């Protein structure tokens, strides 16, 4: 049985990244509907292992990975590749790191 999928960017109202201090970046994924949020949560597709693969991290280095039911949201915090403002650091505000999350394929049913 083939499951139909949809890209995360098509069911999320907000996908963003931002500075969480000089050593961390945080991501917020807020869903358009409670139903979509619950489907993503139940599917298990959005997890530490996936985030670790996308951002080339060991899953144990992910600092926060939390589903917030009241807000239909997921909060993820990872360490920066380089400290904010250091030589070679390319995104001072951490605001450009969310794009790889857009194309995560989420199963939505048969």
Protein backbone atom coordinates (compact mmCIF):
# COMPACT_ATOMS: atom_id res chain seq x y z
CA UNK A 1 0.00 0.00 0.00
CA UNK A 2 1.42 3.39 -1.02
CA UNK A 3 0.95 6.18 1.42
CA UNK A 4 0.29 9.66 0.19
CA UNK A 5 2.77 12.25 1.41
CA UNK A 6 2.87 16.00 1.57
CA UNK A 7 5.79 18.35 2.13
CA UNK A 8 6.08 19.88 5.57
CA UNK A 9 6.05 23.38 4.02
CA UNK A 10 2.55 22.72 2.68
CA UNK A 11 0.96 21.92 6.06
CA UNK A 12 2.94 24.22 8.35
CA UNK A 13 1.86 27.79 8.98
CA UNK A 14 5.33 28.71 10.20
CA UNK A 15 8.74 27.11 9.74
CA UNK A 16 11.49 29.33 11.11
CA UNK A 17 14.91 29.32 12.66
CA UNK A 18 16.43 31.92 14.90
CA UNK A 19 19.33 32.72 17.13
CA UNK A 20 19.14 31.09 20.56
CA UNK A 21 22.35 32.57 21.89
CA UNK A 22 25.94 32.45 20.65
CA UNK A 23 26.08 28.66 20.56
CA UNK A 24 22.56 27.52 19.59
CA UNK A 25 19.91 27.83 16.88
CA UNK A 26 16.27 27.05 17.52
CA UNK A 27 13.57 26.01 15.07
CA UNK A 28 9.80 26.44 15.35
CA UNK A 29 7.34 24.48 13.24
CA UNK A 30 3.75 25.60 13.76
CA UNK A 31 1.00 23.76 11.94
CA UNK A 32 -2.03 25.26 10.19
CA UNK A 33 -4.44 22.80 11.83
CA UNK A 34 -4.60 20.56 14.89
CA UNK A 35 -5.36 17.66 12.55
CA UNK A 36 -2.14 18.15 10.54
CA UNK A 37 -0.11 18.53 13.73
CA UNK A 38 -1.54 15.32 15.16
CA UNK A 39 -0.87 13.42 11.91
CA UNK A 40 2.76 14.53 11.87
CA UNK A 41 3.21 13.73 15.55
CA UNK A 42 1.60 10.28 15.20
CA UNK A 43 3.57 9.44 12.05
CA UNK A 44 6.89 9.67 13.88
CA UNK A 45 8.50 11.06 10.72
CA UNK A 46 9.60 14.24 12.48
CA UNK A 47 12.14 13.06 15.03
CA UNK A 48 15.64 13.65 16.39
CA UNK A 49 17.21 11.21 13.96
CA UNK A 50 15.79 13.04 10.93
CA UNK A 51 16.89 16.44 12.23
CA UNK A 52 20.33 15.04 13.00
CA UNK A 53 20.63 13.68 9.46
CA UNK A 54 19.49 16.96 7.88
CA UNK A 55 21.94 19.05 9.92
CA UNK A 56 24.80 16.50 10.03
CA UNK A 57 24.68 16.07 13.80
CA UNK A 58 24.78 13.17 16.19
CA UNK A 59 21.17 12.85 17.48
CA UNK A 60 22.49 13.12 21.04
CA UNK A 61 23.70 16.66 20.29
CA UNK A 62 20.13 17.90 19.71
CA UNK A 63 19.42 20.02 22.74
CA UNK A 64 15.63 20.29 22.53
CA UNK A 65 13.02 18.37 20.56
CA UNK A 66 9.54 18.98 21.96
CA UNK A 67 5.99 18.67 20.65
CA UNK A 68 3.78 21.46 22.10
CA UNK A 69 0.19 20.23 21.82
CA UNK A 70 -1.37 23.50 22.99
CA UNK A 71 0.27 25.40 20.12
CA UNK A 72 0.24 22.66 17.42
CA UNK A 73 3.98 23.19 17.27
CA UNK A 74 7.39 21.57 17.45
CA UNK A 75 10.44 23.27 19.00
CA UNK A 76 13.93 22.05 18.15
CA UNK A 77 17.23 23.49 19.36
CA UNK A 78 20.61 22.44 17.98
CA UNK A 79 24.16 23.64 18.55
CA UNK A 80 25.55 26.08 16.01
CA UNK A 81 28.19 24.72 13.67
CA UNK A 82 30.35 27.69 14.70
CA UNK A 83 29.83 30.23 17.50
CA UNK A 84 27.85 33.29 16.49
CA UNK A 85 30.08 35.92 14.92
CA UNK A 86 33.16 33.70 14.75
CA UNK A 87 35.35 33.37 11.67
CA UNK A 88 33.52 31.32 9.05
CA UNK A 89 30.09 31.69 10.65
CA UNK A 90 27.66 32.57 7.86
CA UNK A 91 24.28 33.29 9.51
CA UNK A 92 24.69 35.70 12.43
CA UNK A 93 20.99 35.59 13.36
CA UNK A 94 20.39 31.91 12.60
CA UNK A 95 17.48 33.03 10.45
CA UNK A 96 18.41 31.11 7.28
CA UNK A 97 18.76 27.60 8.72
CA UNK A 98 15.14 26.45 8.41
CA UNK A 99 15.01 25.86 4.63
CA UNK A 100 16.06 22.16 4.70
CA UNK A 101 12.93 21.42 6.76
CA UNK A 102 10.59 22.50 3.93
CA UNK A 103 10.85 19.32 1.91
CA UNK A 104 10.40 16.76 4.69
CA UNK A 105 7.87 14.26 3.35
CA UNK A 106 5.01 13.67 5.78
CA UNK A 107 2.66 10.68 5.33
CA UNK A 108 -0.97 11.82 5.38
CA UNK A 109 -2.83 8.59 4.65
CA UNK A 110 -3.59 6.07 1.94
